[in-house]
Full PDB file with SEQRES, HELIX, SHEET, SSBOND, CRYST1, ORIGX, SCALE, CONECT and MASTER records, all heavy atoms in Angstrom:
SEQRES   1 A   42  ASN ASN VAL ASP LEU ILE PHE ARG ASN CYS SER ILE ASP          
SEQRES   2 A   42  SER ILE TYR ILE ASP GLU ASP VAL PRO ILE CYS VAL GLU          
SEQRES   3 A   42  ILE ASP ASP GLN THR THR VAL GLY ILE TRP LYS LYS ILE          
SEQRES   4 A   42  PRO LEU GLY                                                  
SHEET    1 AA1 2 LEU A   5  PHE A   7  0                                        
SHEET    2 AA1 2 VAL A  25  ILE A  27  1                                        
SHEET    1 AA2 2 SER A  11  TYR A  16  0                                        
SHEET    2 AA2 2 THR A  32  LYS A  37  1                                        
CRYST1    1.000    1.000    1.000  90.00  90.00  90.00 P 1           1          
ORIGX1      1.000000  0.000000  0.000000        0.00000                         
ORIGX2      0.000000  1.000000  0.000000        0.00000                         
ORIGX3      0.000000  0.000000  1.000000        0.00000                         
SCALE1      1.000000  0.000000  0.000000        0.00000                         
SCALE2      0.000000  1.000000  0.000000        0.00000                         
SCALE3      0.000000  0.000000  1.000000        0.00000                         
ATOM      1  N   ASN A   1      52.846  84.488  67.017  1.00  0.00           N  
ATOM      2  CA  ASN A   1      54.018  83.640  67.047  1.00  0.00           C  
ATOM      3  C   ASN A   1      54.150  83.064  65.597  1.00  0.00           C  
ATOM      4  O   ASN A   1      53.449  82.136  65.248  1.00  0.00           O  
ATOM      5  CB  ASN A   1      53.869  82.501  68.088  1.00  0.00           C  
ATOM      6  CG  ASN A   1      55.062  81.613  68.069  1.00  0.00           C  
ATOM      7  OD1 ASN A   1      55.779  81.428  67.070  1.00  0.00           O  
ATOM      8  ND2 ASN A   1      55.310  80.985  69.199  1.00  0.00           N  
ATOM      9  N   ASN A   2      55.031  83.732  64.807  1.00  0.00           N  
ATOM     10  CA  ASN A   2      55.272  83.274  63.431  1.00  0.00           C  
ATOM     11  C   ASN A   2      54.109  83.509  62.434  1.00  0.00           C  
ATOM     12  O   ASN A   2      54.023  82.985  61.404  1.00  0.00           O  
ATOM     13  CB  ASN A   2      55.591  81.769  63.332  1.00  0.00           C  
ATOM     14  CG  ASN A   2      56.412  81.410  62.115  1.00  0.00           C  
ATOM     15  OD1 ASN A   2      57.212  82.194  61.651  1.00  0.00           O  
ATOM     16  ND2 ASN A   2      56.157  80.247  61.565  1.00  0.00           N  
ATOM     17  N   VAL A   3      53.217  84.445  62.816  1.00  0.00           N  
ATOM     18  CA  VAL A   3      52.153  84.866  61.931  1.00  0.00           C  
ATOM     19  C   VAL A   3      52.217  86.363  61.720  1.00  0.00           C  
ATOM     20  O   VAL A   3      52.249  87.144  62.658  1.00  0.00           O  
ATOM     21  CB  VAL A   3      50.790  84.525  62.517  1.00  0.00           C  
ATOM     22  CG1 VAL A   3      49.664  85.057  61.654  1.00  0.00           C  
ATOM     23  CG2 VAL A   3      50.611  83.028  62.738  1.00  0.00           C  
ATOM     24  N   ASP A   4      52.405  86.761  60.449  1.00  0.00           N  
ATOM     25  CA  ASP A   4      52.514  88.165  60.069  1.00  0.00           C  
ATOM     26  C   ASP A   4      51.224  88.941  60.305  1.00  0.00           C  
ATOM     27  O   ASP A   4      50.111  88.305  60.215  1.00  0.00           O  
ATOM     28  CB  ASP A   4      52.955  88.326  58.610  1.00  0.00           C  
ATOM     29  CG  ASP A   4      54.333  87.767  58.401  1.00  0.00           C  
ATOM     30  OD1 ASP A   4      55.150  87.812  59.320  1.00  0.00           O  
ATOM     31  OD2 ASP A   4      54.580  87.247  57.238  1.00  0.00           O  
ATOM     32  N   LEU A   5      51.318  90.216  60.574  1.00  0.00           N  
ATOM     33  CA  LEU A   5      50.145  91.038  60.912  1.00  0.00           C  
ATOM     34  C   LEU A   5      50.077  92.279  60.079  1.00  0.00           C  
ATOM     35  O   LEU A   5      51.101  92.924  59.833  1.00  0.00           O  
ATOM     36  CB  LEU A   5      50.199  91.448  62.402  1.00  0.00           C  
ATOM     37  CG  LEU A   5      50.276  90.284  63.394  1.00  0.00           C  
ATOM     38  CD1 LEU A   5      50.579  90.870  64.771  1.00  0.00           C  
ATOM     39  CD2 LEU A   5      49.028  89.478  63.449  1.00  0.00           C  
ATOM     40  N   ILE A   6      48.904  92.669  59.655  1.00  0.00           N  
ATOM     41  CA  ILE A   6      48.589  93.927  58.997  1.00  0.00           C  
ATOM     42  C   ILE A   6      47.472  94.656  59.821  1.00  0.00           C  
ATOM     43  O   ILE A   6      46.416  93.992  60.003  1.00  0.00           O  
ATOM     44  CB  ILE A   6      48.246  93.802  57.578  1.00  0.00           C  
ATOM     45  CG1 ILE A   6      49.454  93.206  56.778  1.00  0.00           C  
ATOM     46  CG2 ILE A   6      47.776  95.132  56.955  1.00  0.00           C  
ATOM     47  CD1 ILE A   6      49.125  93.034  55.254  1.00  0.00           C  
ATOM     48  N   PHE A   7      47.721  95.882  60.168  1.00  0.00           N  
ATOM     49  CA  PHE A   7      46.680  96.687  60.856  1.00  0.00           C  
ATOM     50  C   PHE A   7      46.400  97.926  60.050  1.00  0.00           C  
ATOM     51  O   PHE A   7      47.295  98.711  59.809  1.00  0.00           O  
ATOM     52  CB  PHE A   7      47.133  97.075  62.265  1.00  0.00           C  
ATOM     53  CG  PHE A   7      47.410  95.908  63.219  1.00  0.00           C  
ATOM     54  CD1 PHE A   7      48.714  95.406  63.328  1.00  0.00           C  
ATOM     55  CD2 PHE A   7      46.394  95.338  63.887  1.00  0.00           C  
ATOM     56  CE1 PHE A   7      48.997  94.330  64.151  1.00  0.00           C  
ATOM     57  CE2 PHE A   7      46.688  94.216  64.729  1.00  0.00           C  
ATOM     58  CZ  PHE A   7      47.936  93.755  64.888  1.00  0.00           C  
ATOM     59  N   ARG A   8      45.140  98.123  59.652  1.00  0.00           N  
ATOM     60  CA  ARG A   8      44.738  99.261  58.873  1.00  0.00           C  
ATOM     61  C   ARG A   8      43.508  99.936  59.555  1.00  0.00           C  
ATOM     62  O   ARG A   8      42.451  99.328  59.613  1.00  0.00           O  
ATOM     63  CB  ARG A   8      44.400  98.922  57.448  1.00  0.00           C  
ATOM     64  CG  ARG A   8      45.599  98.299  56.671  1.00  0.00           C  
ATOM     65  CD  ARG A   8      45.169  97.765  55.317  1.00  0.00           C  
ATOM     66  NE  ARG A   8      46.230  97.169  54.600  1.00  0.00           N  
ATOM     67  CZ  ARG A   8      46.060  96.140  53.752  1.00  0.00           C  
ATOM     68  NH1 ARG A   8      44.891  95.606  53.515  1.00  0.00           N  
ATOM     69  NH2 ARG A   8      47.122  95.644  53.093  1.00  0.00           N  
ATOM     70  N   ASN A   9      43.723 101.147  60.006  1.00  0.00           N  
ATOM     71  CA  ASN A   9      42.605 101.894  60.663  1.00  0.00           C  
ATOM     72  C   ASN A   9      41.922 101.106  61.732  1.00  0.00           C  
ATOM     73  O   ASN A   9      40.737 100.903  61.718  1.00  0.00           O  
ATOM     74  CB  ASN A   9      41.629 102.292  59.557  1.00  0.00           C  
ATOM     75  CG  ASN A   9      40.571 103.308  60.103  1.00  0.00           C  
ATOM     76  OD1 ASN A   9      40.871 104.100  60.933  1.00  0.00           O  
ATOM     77  ND2 ASN A   9      39.350 103.186  59.585  1.00  0.00           N  
ATOM     78  N   CYS A  10      42.727 100.633  62.668  1.00  0.00           N  
ATOM     79  CA  CYS A  10      42.209  99.788  63.748  1.00  0.00           C  
ATOM     80  C   CYS A  10      42.433 100.423  65.113  1.00  0.00           C  
ATOM     81  O   CYS A  10      43.326 101.308  65.224  1.00  0.00           O  
ATOM     82  CB  CYS A  10      42.799  98.413  63.721  1.00  0.00           C  
ATOM     83  SG  CYS A  10      42.325  97.393  62.364  1.00  0.00           S  
ATOM     84  N   SER A  11      41.712  99.955  66.105  1.00  0.00           N  
ATOM     85  CA  SER A  11      41.986 100.345  67.494  1.00  0.00           C  
ATOM     86  C   SER A  11      42.196  98.980  68.243  1.00  0.00           C  
ATOM     87  O   SER A  11      41.242  98.232  68.396  1.00  0.00           O  
ATOM     88  CB  SER A  11      40.836 101.099  68.109  1.00  0.00           C  
ATOM     89  OG  SER A  11      41.012 101.331  69.470  1.00  0.00           O  
ATOM     90  N   ILE A  12      43.389  98.769  68.742  1.00  0.00           N  
ATOM     91  CA  ILE A  12      43.759  97.565  69.422  1.00  0.00           C  
ATOM     92  C   ILE A  12      44.246  97.892  70.815  1.00  0.00           C  
ATOM     93  O   ILE A  12      45.167  98.734  70.950  1.00  0.00           O  
ATOM     94  CB  ILE A  12      44.858  96.751  68.636  1.00  0.00           C  
ATOM     95  CG1 ILE A  12      44.583  96.733  67.171  1.00  0.00           C  
ATOM     96  CG2 ILE A  12      44.992  95.388  69.208  1.00  0.00           C  
ATOM     97  CD1 ILE A  12      43.408  95.962  66.703  1.00  0.00           C  
ATOM     98  N   ASP A  13      43.709  97.256  71.866  1.00  0.00           N  
ATOM     99  CA  ASP A  13      44.165  97.686  73.168  1.00  0.00           C  
ATOM    100  C   ASP A  13      45.540  97.150  73.555  1.00  0.00           C  
ATOM    101  O   ASP A  13      46.257  97.803  74.319  1.00  0.00           O  
ATOM    102  CB  ASP A  13      43.126  97.337  74.277  1.00  0.00           C  
ATOM    103  CG  ASP A  13      42.758  95.804  74.288  1.00  0.00           C  
ATOM    104  OD1 ASP A  13      43.427  95.056  73.581  1.00  0.00           O  
ATOM    105  OD2 ASP A  13      41.807  95.465  75.007  1.00  0.00           O  
ATOM    106  N   SER A  14      45.941  95.973  72.980  1.00  0.00           N  
ATOM    107  CA  SER A  14      47.308  95.475  73.282  1.00  0.00           C  
ATOM    108  C   SER A  14      47.732  94.411  72.251  1.00  0.00           C  
ATOM    109  O   SER A  14      46.900  93.646  71.778  1.00  0.00           O  
ATOM    110  CB  SER A  14      47.361  94.895  74.690  1.00  0.00           C  
ATOM    111  OG  SER A  14      46.378  93.888  74.824  1.00  0.00           O  
ATOM    112  N   ILE A  15      49.026  94.457  71.947  1.00  0.00           N  
ATOM    113  CA  ILE A  15      49.620  93.500  70.997  1.00  0.00           C  
ATOM    114  C   ILE A  15      50.922  92.881  71.627  1.00  0.00           C  
ATOM    115  O   ILE A  15      51.724  93.701  72.138  1.00  0.00           O  
ATOM    116  CB  ILE A  15      49.928  94.153  69.662  1.00  0.00           C  
ATOM    117  CG1 ILE A  15      48.672  94.708  68.972  1.00  0.00           C  
ATOM    118  CG2 ILE A  15      50.615  93.193  68.693  1.00  0.00           C  
ATOM    119  CD1 ILE A  15      48.913  95.568  67.761  1.00  0.00           C  
ATOM    120  N   TYR A  16      51.075  91.640  71.502  1.00  0.00           N  
ATOM    121  CA  TYR A  16      52.200  90.961  72.049  1.00  0.00           C  
ATOM    122  C   TYR A  16      52.793  90.127  70.874  1.00  0.00           C  
ATOM    123  O   TYR A  16      52.090  89.299  70.287  1.00  0.00           O  
ATOM    124  CB  TYR A  16      51.838  89.991  73.190  1.00  0.00           C  
ATOM    125  CG  TYR A  16      52.909  89.265  73.929  1.00  0.00           C  
ATOM    126  CD1 TYR A  16      53.166  89.581  75.254  1.00  0.00           C  
ATOM    127  CD2 TYR A  16      53.692  88.330  73.276  1.00  0.00           C  
ATOM    128  CE1 TYR A  16      54.187  88.914  75.954  1.00  0.00           C  
ATOM    129  CE2 TYR A  16      54.699  87.679  73.939  1.00  0.00           C  
ATOM    130  CZ  TYR A  16      54.939  87.943  75.299  1.00  0.00           C  
ATOM    131  OH  TYR A  16      55.976  87.267  75.981  1.00  0.00           O  
ATOM    132  N   ILE A  17      54.074  90.339  70.623  1.00  0.00           N  
ATOM    133  CA  ILE A  17      54.812  89.546  69.581  1.00  0.00           C  
ATOM    134  C   ILE A  17      55.830  88.663  70.317  1.00  0.00           C  
ATOM    135  O   ILE A  17      56.651  89.196  71.074  1.00  0.00           O  
ATOM    136  CB  ILE A  17      55.502  90.459  68.562  1.00  0.00           C  
ATOM    137  CG1 ILE A  17      54.406  91.275  67.818  1.00  0.00           C  
ATOM    138  CG2 ILE A  17      56.226  89.634  67.568  1.00  0.00           C  
ATOM    139  CD1 ILE A  17      55.010  92.264  66.816  1.00  0.00           C  
ATOM    140  N   ASP A  18      55.821  87.385  70.053  1.00  0.00           N  
ATOM    141  CA  ASP A  18      56.702  86.446  70.716  1.00  0.00           C  
ATOM    142  C   ASP A  18      58.110  86.922  70.582  1.00  0.00           C  
ATOM    143  O   ASP A  18      58.640  87.161  69.510  1.00  0.00           O  
ATOM    144  CB  ASP A  18      56.538  85.094  70.131  1.00  0.00           C  
ATOM    145  CG  ASP A  18      57.240  84.001  70.937  1.00  0.00           C  
ATOM    146  OD1 ASP A  18      58.502  83.936  70.793  1.00  0.00           O  
ATOM    147  OD2 ASP A  18      56.577  83.271  71.729  1.00  0.00           O  
ATOM    148  N   GLU A  19      58.848  86.955  71.709  1.00  0.00           N  
ATOM    149  CA  GLU A  19      60.212  87.518  71.686  1.00  0.00           C  
ATOM    150  C   GLU A  19      61.216  86.703  70.935  1.00  0.00           C  
ATOM    151  O   GLU A  19      62.288  87.184  70.625  1.00  0.00           O  
ATOM    152  CB  GLU A  19      60.670  87.757  73.152  1.00  0.00           C  
ATOM    153  CG  GLU A  19      60.661  86.457  74.011  1.00  0.00           C  
ATOM    154  CD  GLU A  19      61.005  86.761  75.454  1.00  0.00           C  
ATOM    155  OE1 GLU A  19      61.661  87.824  75.700  1.00  0.00           O  
ATOM    156  OE2 GLU A  19      60.567  86.031  76.333  1.00  0.00           O  
ATOM    157  N   ASP A  20      60.865  85.419  70.672  1.00  0.00           N  
ATOM    158  CA  ASP A  20      61.824  84.550  69.974  1.00  0.00           C  
ATOM    159  C   ASP A  20      61.549  84.387  68.484  1.00  0.00           C  
ATOM    160  O   ASP A  20      62.285  83.736  67.800  1.00  0.00           O  
ATOM    161  CB  ASP A  20      61.817  83.144  70.629  1.00  0.00           C  
ATOM    162  CG  ASP A  20      62.240  83.210  72.121  1.00  0.00           C  
ATOM    163  OD1 ASP A  20      63.171  84.017  72.395  1.00  0.00           O  
ATOM    164  OD2 ASP A  20      61.689  82.491  72.933  1.00  0.00           O  
ATOM    165  N   VAL A  21      60.441  84.975  68.029  1.00  0.00           N  
ATOM    166  CA  VAL A  21      60.045  84.729  66.626  1.00  0.00           C  
ATOM    167  C   VAL A  21      59.758  86.082  65.949  1.00  0.00           C  
ATOM    168  O   VAL A  21      58.664  86.598  65.966  1.00  0.00           O  
ATOM    169  CB  VAL A  21      58.795  83.829  66.530  1.00  0.00           C  
ATOM    170  CG1 VAL A  21      58.520  83.493  65.057  1.00  0.00           C  
ATOM    171  CG2 VAL A  21      59.000  82.556  67.333  1.00  0.00           C  
ATOM    172  N   PRO A  22      60.781  86.702  65.360  1.00  0.00           N  
ATOM    173  CA  PRO A  22      60.565  87.947  64.614  1.00  0.00           C  
ATOM    174  C   PRO A  22      59.562  87.764  63.477  1.00  0.00           C  
ATOM    175  O   PRO A  22      59.648  86.752  62.747  1.00  0.00           O  
ATOM    176  CB  PRO A  22      61.925  88.306  64.036  1.00  0.00           C  
ATOM    177  CG  PRO A  22      62.910  87.549  64.893  1.00  0.00           C  
ATOM    178  CD  PRO A  22      62.203  86.274  65.294  1.00  0.00           C  
ATOM    179  N   ILE A  23      58.652  88.669  63.273  1.00  0.00           N  
ATOM    180  CA  ILE A  23      57.682  88.590  62.202  1.00  0.00           C  
ATOM    181  C   ILE A  23      57.650  89.929  61.457  1.00  0.00           C  
ATOM    182  O   ILE A  23      58.464  90.794  61.720  1.00  0.00           O  
ATOM    183  CB  ILE A  23      56.279  88.243  62.736  1.00  0.00           C  
ATOM    184  CG1 ILE A  23      55.791  89.356  63.662  1.00  0.00           C  
ATOM    185  CG2 ILE A  23      56.241  86.910  63.428  1.00  0.00           C  
ATOM    186  CD1 ILE A  23      54.327  89.244  64.068  1.00  0.00           C  
ATOM    187  N   CYS A  24      56.816  89.993  60.503  1.00  0.00           N  
ATOM    188  CA  CYS A  24      56.639  91.261  59.734  1.00  0.00           C  
ATOM    189  C   CYS A  24      55.262  91.855  60.107  1.00  0.00           C  
ATOM    190  O   CYS A  24      54.257  91.202  60.124  1.00  0.00           O  
ATOM    191  CB  CYS A  24      56.658  90.954  58.253  1.00  0.00           C  
ATOM    192  SG  CYS A  24      56.866  92.431  57.243  1.00  0.00           S  
ATOM    193  N   VAL A  25      55.327  93.187  60.442  1.00  0.00           N  
ATOM    194  CA  VAL A  25      54.105  93.862  60.857  1.00  0.00           C  
ATOM    195  C   VAL A  25      53.934  95.149  59.986  1.00  0.00           C  
ATOM    196  O   VAL A  25      54.881  95.904  59.846  1.00  0.00           O  
ATOM    197  CB  VAL A  25      54.188  94.309  62.339  1.00  0.00           C  
ATOM    198  CG1 VAL A  25      52.903  95.093  62.765  1.00  0.00           C  
ATOM    199  CG2 VAL A  25      54.377  93.091  63.237  1.00  0.00           C  
ATOM    200  N   GLU A  26      52.779  95.277  59.434  1.00  0.00           N  
ATOM    201  CA  GLU A  26      52.417  96.506  58.763  1.00  0.00           C  
ATOM    202  C   GLU A  26      51.379  97.246  59.536  1.00  0.00           C  
ATOM    203  O   GLU A  26      50.346  96.658  59.920  1.00  0.00           O  
ATOM    204  CB  GLU A  26      51.859  96.226  57.373  1.00  0.00           C  
ATOM    205  CG  GLU A  26      51.412  97.482  56.613  1.00  0.00           C  
ATOM    206  CD  GLU A  26      50.754  97.196  55.311  1.00  0.00           C  
ATOM    207  OE1 GLU A  26      51.156  96.247  54.623  1.00  0.00           O  
ATOM    208  OE2 GLU A  26      49.755  97.903  54.978  1.00  0.00           O  
ATOM    209  N   ILE A  27      51.574  98.489  59.870  1.00  0.00           N  
ATOM    210  CA  ILE A  27      50.640  99.257  60.671  1.00  0.00           C  
ATOM    211  C   ILE A  27      50.573 100.651  60.121  1.00  0.00           C  
ATOM    212  O   ILE A  27      51.612 101.289  59.868  1.00  0.00           O  
ATOM    213  CB  ILE A  27      51.013  99.264  62.152  1.00  0.00           C  
ATOM    214  CG1 ILE A  27      49.961  99.981  63.014  1.00  0.00           C  
ATOM    215  CG2 ILE A  27      52.425  99.805  62.403  1.00  0.00           C  
ATOM    216  CD1 ILE A  27      50.145  99.710  64.457  1.00  0.00           C  
ATOM    217  N   ASP A  28      49.345 101.202  59.895  1.00  0.00           N  
ATOM    218  CA  ASP A  28      49.256 102.505  59.280  1.00  0.00           C  
ATOM    219  C   ASP A  28      49.015 103.593  60.344  1.00  0.00           C  
ATOM    220  O   ASP A  28      48.892 103.302  61.509  1.00  0.00           O  
ATOM    221  CB  ASP A  28      48.111 102.506  58.195  1.00  0.00           C  
ATOM    222  CG  ASP A  28      46.722 102.310  58.841  1.00  0.00           C  
ATOM    223  OD1 ASP A  28      46.613 102.297  60.086  1.00  0.00           O  
ATOM    224  OD2 ASP A  28      45.790 102.145  58.092  1.00  0.00           O  
ATOM    225  N   ASP A  29      48.970 104.838  59.871  1.00  0.00           N  
ATOM    226  CA  ASP A  29      48.900 105.973  60.795  1.00  0.00           C  
ATOM    227  C   ASP A  29      47.565 106.092  61.445  1.00  0.00           C  
ATOM    228  O   ASP A  29      47.362 106.799  62.441  1.00  0.00           O  
ATOM    229  CB  ASP A  29      49.197 107.257  60.063  1.00  0.00           C  
ATOM    230  CG  ASP A  29      50.659 107.360  59.584  1.00  0.00           C  
ATOM    231  OD1 ASP A  29      51.503 106.643  60.171  1.00  0.00           O  
ATOM    232  OD2 ASP A  29      50.909 108.152  58.602  1.00  0.00           O  
ATOM    233  N   GLN A  30      46.528 105.381  60.894  1.00  0.00           N  
ATOM    234  CA  GLN A  30      45.204 105.512  61.458  1.00  0.00           C  
ATOM    235  C   GLN A  30      44.943 104.427  62.550  1.00  0.00           C  
ATOM    236  O   GLN A  30      43.868 104.394  63.171  1.00  0.00           O  
ATOM    237  CB  GLN A  30      44.140 105.324  60.351  1.00  0.00           C  
ATOM    238  CG  GLN A  30      44.017 106.503  59.410  1.00  0.00           C  
ATOM    239  CD  GLN A  30      45.182 106.624  58.466  1.00  0.00           C  
ATOM    240  OE1 GLN A  30      45.576 105.638  57.820  1.00  0.00           O  
ATOM    241  NE2 GLN A  30      45.721 107.815  58.346  1.00  0.00           N  
ATOM    242  N   THR A  31      45.878 103.608  62.790  1.00  0.00           N  
ATOM    243  CA  THR A  31      45.782 102.564  63.789  1.00  0.00           C  
ATOM    244  C   THR A  31      46.336 102.999  65.153  1.00  0.00           C  
ATOM    245  O   THR A  31      47.457 103.590  65.221  1.00  0.00           O  
ATOM    246  CB  THR A  31      46.494 101.270  63.361  1.00  0.00           C  
ATOM    247  OG1 THR A  31      45.802 100.751  62.190  1.00  0.00           O  
ATOM    248  CG2 THR A  31      46.457 100.220  64.446  1.00  0.00           C  
ATOM    249  N   THR A  32      45.555 102.742  66.200  1.00  0.00           N  
ATOM    250  CA  THR A  32      46.032 103.049  67.550  1.00  0.00           C  
ATOM    251  C   THR A  32      46.200 101.783  68.352  1.00  0.00           C  
ATOM    252  O   THR A  32      45.342 100.870  68.280  1.00  0.00           O  
ATOM    253  CB  THR A  32      45.074 103.983  68.296  1.00  0.00           C  
ATOM    254  OG1 THR A  32      43.739 103.360  68.396  1.00  0.00           O  
ATOM    255  CG2 THR A  32      44.912 105.320  67.553  1.00  0.00           C  
ATOM    256  N   VAL A  33      47.289 101.698  69.081  1.00  0.00           N  
ATOM    257  CA  VAL A  33      47.583 100.473  69.880  1.00  0.00           C  
ATOM    258  C   VAL A  33      47.828 101.005  71.321  1.00  0.00           C  
ATOM    259  O   VAL A  33      48.723 101.846  71.550  1.00  0.00           O  
ATOM    260  CB  VAL A  33      48.837  99.735  69.403  1.00  0.00           C  
ATOM    261  CG1 VAL A  33      49.077  98.545  70.310  1.00  0.00           C  
ATOM    262  CG2 VAL A  33      48.621  99.262  67.969  1.00  0.00           C  
ATOM    263  N   GLY A  34      47.082 100.393  72.264  1.00  0.00           N  
ATOM    264  CA  GLY A  34      47.267 100.843  73.667  1.00  0.00           C  
ATOM    265  C   GLY A  34      48.586 100.475  74.233  1.00  0.00           C  
ATOM    266  O   GLY A  34      49.306 101.326  74.734  1.00  0.00           O  
ATOM    267  N   ILE A  35      48.924  99.188  74.068  1.00  0.00           N  
ATOM    268  CA  ILE A  35      50.217  98.682  74.666  1.00  0.00           C  
ATOM    269  C   ILE A  35      50.861  97.707  73.661  1.00  0.00           C  
ATOM    270  O   ILE A  35      50.234  96.802  73.157  1.00  0.00           O  
ATOM    271  CB  ILE A  35      49.935  97.943  75.969  1.00  0.00           C  
ATOM    272  CG1 ILE A  35      49.274  98.918  77.000  1.00  0.00           C  
ATOM    273  CG2 ILE A  35      51.270  97.385  76.568  1.00  0.00           C  
ATOM    274  CD1 ILE A  35      48.875  98.155  78.298  1.00  0.00           C  
ATOM    275  N   TRP A  36      52.153  97.970  73.362  1.00  0.00           N  
ATOM    276  CA  TRP A  36      52.968  96.989  72.692  1.00  0.00           C  
ATOM    277  C   TRP A  36      53.778  96.235  73.699  1.00  0.00           C  
ATOM    278  O   TRP A  36      54.361  96.811  74.617  1.00  0.00           O  
ATOM    279  CB  TRP A  36      53.962  97.726  71.721  1.00  0.00           C  
ATOM    280  CG  TRP A  36      53.312  98.232  70.466  1.00  0.00           C  
ATOM    281  CD1 TRP A  36      52.940  99.555  70.229  1.00  0.00           C  
ATOM    282  CD2 TRP A  36      53.061  97.551  69.278  1.00  0.00           C  
ATOM    283  NE1 TRP A  36      52.411  99.651  68.989  1.00  0.00           N  
ATOM    284  CE2 TRP A  36      52.486  98.426  68.344  1.00  0.00           C  
ATOM    285  CE3 TRP A  36      53.319  96.219  68.871  1.00  0.00           C  
ATOM    286  CZ2 TRP A  36      52.176  98.046  67.032  1.00  0.00           C  
ATOM    287  CZ3 TRP A  36      52.971  95.875  67.558  1.00  0.00           C  
ATOM    288  CH2 TRP A  36      52.394  96.797  66.673  1.00  0.00           C  
ATOM    289  N   LYS A  37      53.847  94.909  73.523  1.00  0.00           N  
ATOM    290  CA  LYS A  37      54.630  94.056  74.410  1.00  0.00           C  
ATOM    291  C   LYS A  37      55.560  93.155  73.709  1.00  0.00           C  
ATOM    292  O   LYS A  37      55.231  92.628  72.663  1.00  0.00           O  
ATOM    293  CB  LYS A  37      53.671  93.162  75.288  1.00  0.00           C  
ATOM    294  CG  LYS A  37      52.698  93.974  76.123  1.00  0.00           C  
ATOM    295  CD  LYS A  37      51.808  92.983  76.925  1.00  0.00           C  
ATOM    296  CE  LYS A  37      50.804  93.719  77.769  1.00  0.00           C  
ATOM    297  NZ  LYS A  37      49.964  92.787  78.557  1.00  0.00           N  
ATOM    298  N   LYS A  38      56.768  93.027  74.218  1.00  0.00           N  
ATOM    299  CA  LYS A  38      57.735  92.032  73.765  1.00  0.00           C  
ATOM    300  C   LYS A  38      58.001  92.098  72.242  1.00  0.00           C  
ATOM    301  O   LYS A  38      57.804  91.119  71.508  1.00  0.00           O  
ATOM    302  CB  LYS A  38      57.284  90.637  74.125  1.00  0.00           C  
ATOM    303  CG  LYS A  38      57.187  90.356  75.625  1.00  0.00           C  
ATOM    304  CD  LYS A  38      58.550  90.277  76.248  1.00  0.00           C  
ATOM    305  CE  LYS A  38      58.481  89.858  77.706  1.00  0.00           C  
ATOM    306  NZ  LYS A  38      59.768  89.763  78.383  1.00  0.00           N  
ATOM    307  N   ILE A  39      58.438  93.202  71.772  1.00  0.00           N  
ATOM    308  CA  ILE A  39      58.767  93.320  70.346  1.00  0.00           C  
ATOM    309  C   ILE A  39      60.229  92.767  70.168  1.00  0.00           C  
ATOM    310  O   ILE A  39      61.154  93.419  70.630  1.00  0.00           O  
ATOM    311  CB  ILE A  39      58.711  94.784  69.844  1.00  0.00           C  
ATOM    312  CG1 ILE A  39      57.293  95.352  70.158  1.00  0.00           C  
ATOM    313  CG2 ILE A  39      58.985  94.839  68.338  1.00  0.00           C  
ATOM    314  CD1 ILE A  39      56.172  94.601  69.531  1.00  0.00           C  
ATOM    315  N   PRO A  40      60.400  91.661  69.496  1.00  0.00           N  
ATOM    316  CA  PRO A  40      61.750  91.073  69.450  1.00  0.00           C  
ATOM    317  C   PRO A  40      62.663  91.738  68.408  1.00  0.00           C  
ATOM    318  O   PRO A  40      62.162  92.325  67.419  1.00  0.00           O  
ATOM    319  CB  PRO A  40      61.482  89.630  69.032  1.00  0.00           C  
ATOM    320  CG  PRO A  40      60.211  89.691  68.280  1.00  0.00           C  
ATOM    321  CD  PRO A  40      59.381  90.788  68.916  1.00  0.00           C  
ATOM    322  N   LEU A  41      63.941  91.662  68.628  1.00  0.00           N  
ATOM    323  CA  LEU A  41      64.860  92.147  67.602  1.00  0.00           C  
ATOM    324  C   LEU A  41      64.659  91.326  66.331  1.00  0.00           C  
ATOM    325  O   LEU A  41      64.417  90.133  66.317  1.00  0.00           O  
ATOM    326  CB  LEU A  41      66.317  91.941  68.092  1.00  0.00           C  
ATOM    327  CG  LEU A  41      66.769  92.777  69.276  1.00  0.00           C  
ATOM    328  CD1 LEU A  41      68.180  92.429  69.726  1.00  0.00           C  
ATOM    329  CD2 LEU A  41      66.699  94.307  68.898  1.00  0.00           C  
ATOM    330  N   GLY A  42      64.645  92.052  65.217  1.00  0.00           N  
ATOM    331  CA  GLY A  42      64.437  91.362  63.924  1.00  0.00           C  
ATOM    332  C   GLY A  42      63.028  91.496  63.405  1.00  0.00           C  
ATOM    333  O   GLY A  42      62.743  91.248  62.232  1.00  0.00           O  
TER     334      GLY A  42                                                      
MASTER        0    0    0    0    4    0    0    6  333    1    0    4          
END                                                                             
Protein backbone atom coordinates (compact mmCIF):
# COMPACT_ATOMS: atom_id res chain seq x y z
CA ASN A 1 0.00 0.00 0.00
CA ASN A 2 1.92 3.03 -1.33
CA VAL A 3 5.26 1.21 -1.28
CA ASP A 4 7.02 0.56 -4.60
CA LEU A 5 8.34 -2.92 -5.35
CA ILE A 6 11.23 -4.39 -7.32
CA PHE A 7 11.49 -8.14 -7.93
CA ARG A 8 14.64 -9.61 -9.48
CA ASN A 9 15.08 -13.35 -9.91
CA CYS A 10 12.59 -14.19 -7.17
CA SER A 11 9.94 -16.79 -6.49
CA ILE A 12 6.89 -15.30 -4.75
CA ASP A 13 3.79 -17.36 -4.09
CA SER A 14 1.39 -14.37 -4.04
CA ILE A 15 1.37 -10.57 -4.35
CA TYR A 16 -1.48 -8.20 -3.47
CA ILE A 17 -1.46 -4.51 -4.42
CA ASP A 18 -4.00 -2.30 -2.71
CA GLU A 19 -6.75 -1.54 -5.22
CA ASP A 20 -6.96 2.13 -4.21
CA VAL A 21 -3.25 2.99 -4.28
CA PRO A 22 -1.47 2.57 -7.63
CA ILE A 23 2.26 2.01 -7.20
CA CYS A 24 5.27 1.28 -9.38
CA VAL A 25 6.41 -2.32 -9.80
CA GLU A 26 9.55 -3.59 -11.52
CA ILE A 27 9.65 -7.31 -12.21
CA ASP A 28 12.13 -9.18 -14.39
CA ASP A 29 11.77 -12.28 -16.56
CA GLN A 30 13.48 -14.49 -13.95
CA THR A 31 10.81 -13.81 -11.33
CA THR A 32 7.86 -16.14 -10.88
CA VAL A 33 4.66 -15.16 -9.09
CA GLY A 34 2.06 -17.75 -8.17
CA ILE A 35 -0.92 -15.40 -7.83
CA TRP A 36 -1.40 -11.68 -8.53
CA LYS A 37 -4.27 -10.08 -6.62
CA LYS A 38 -6.04 -6.73 -6.91
CA ILE A 39 -3.84 -4.91 -9.40
CA PRO A 40 -5.37 -1.39 -9.48
CA LEU A 41 -5.71 0.81 -12.51
CA GLY A 42 -2.75 3.17 -12.66
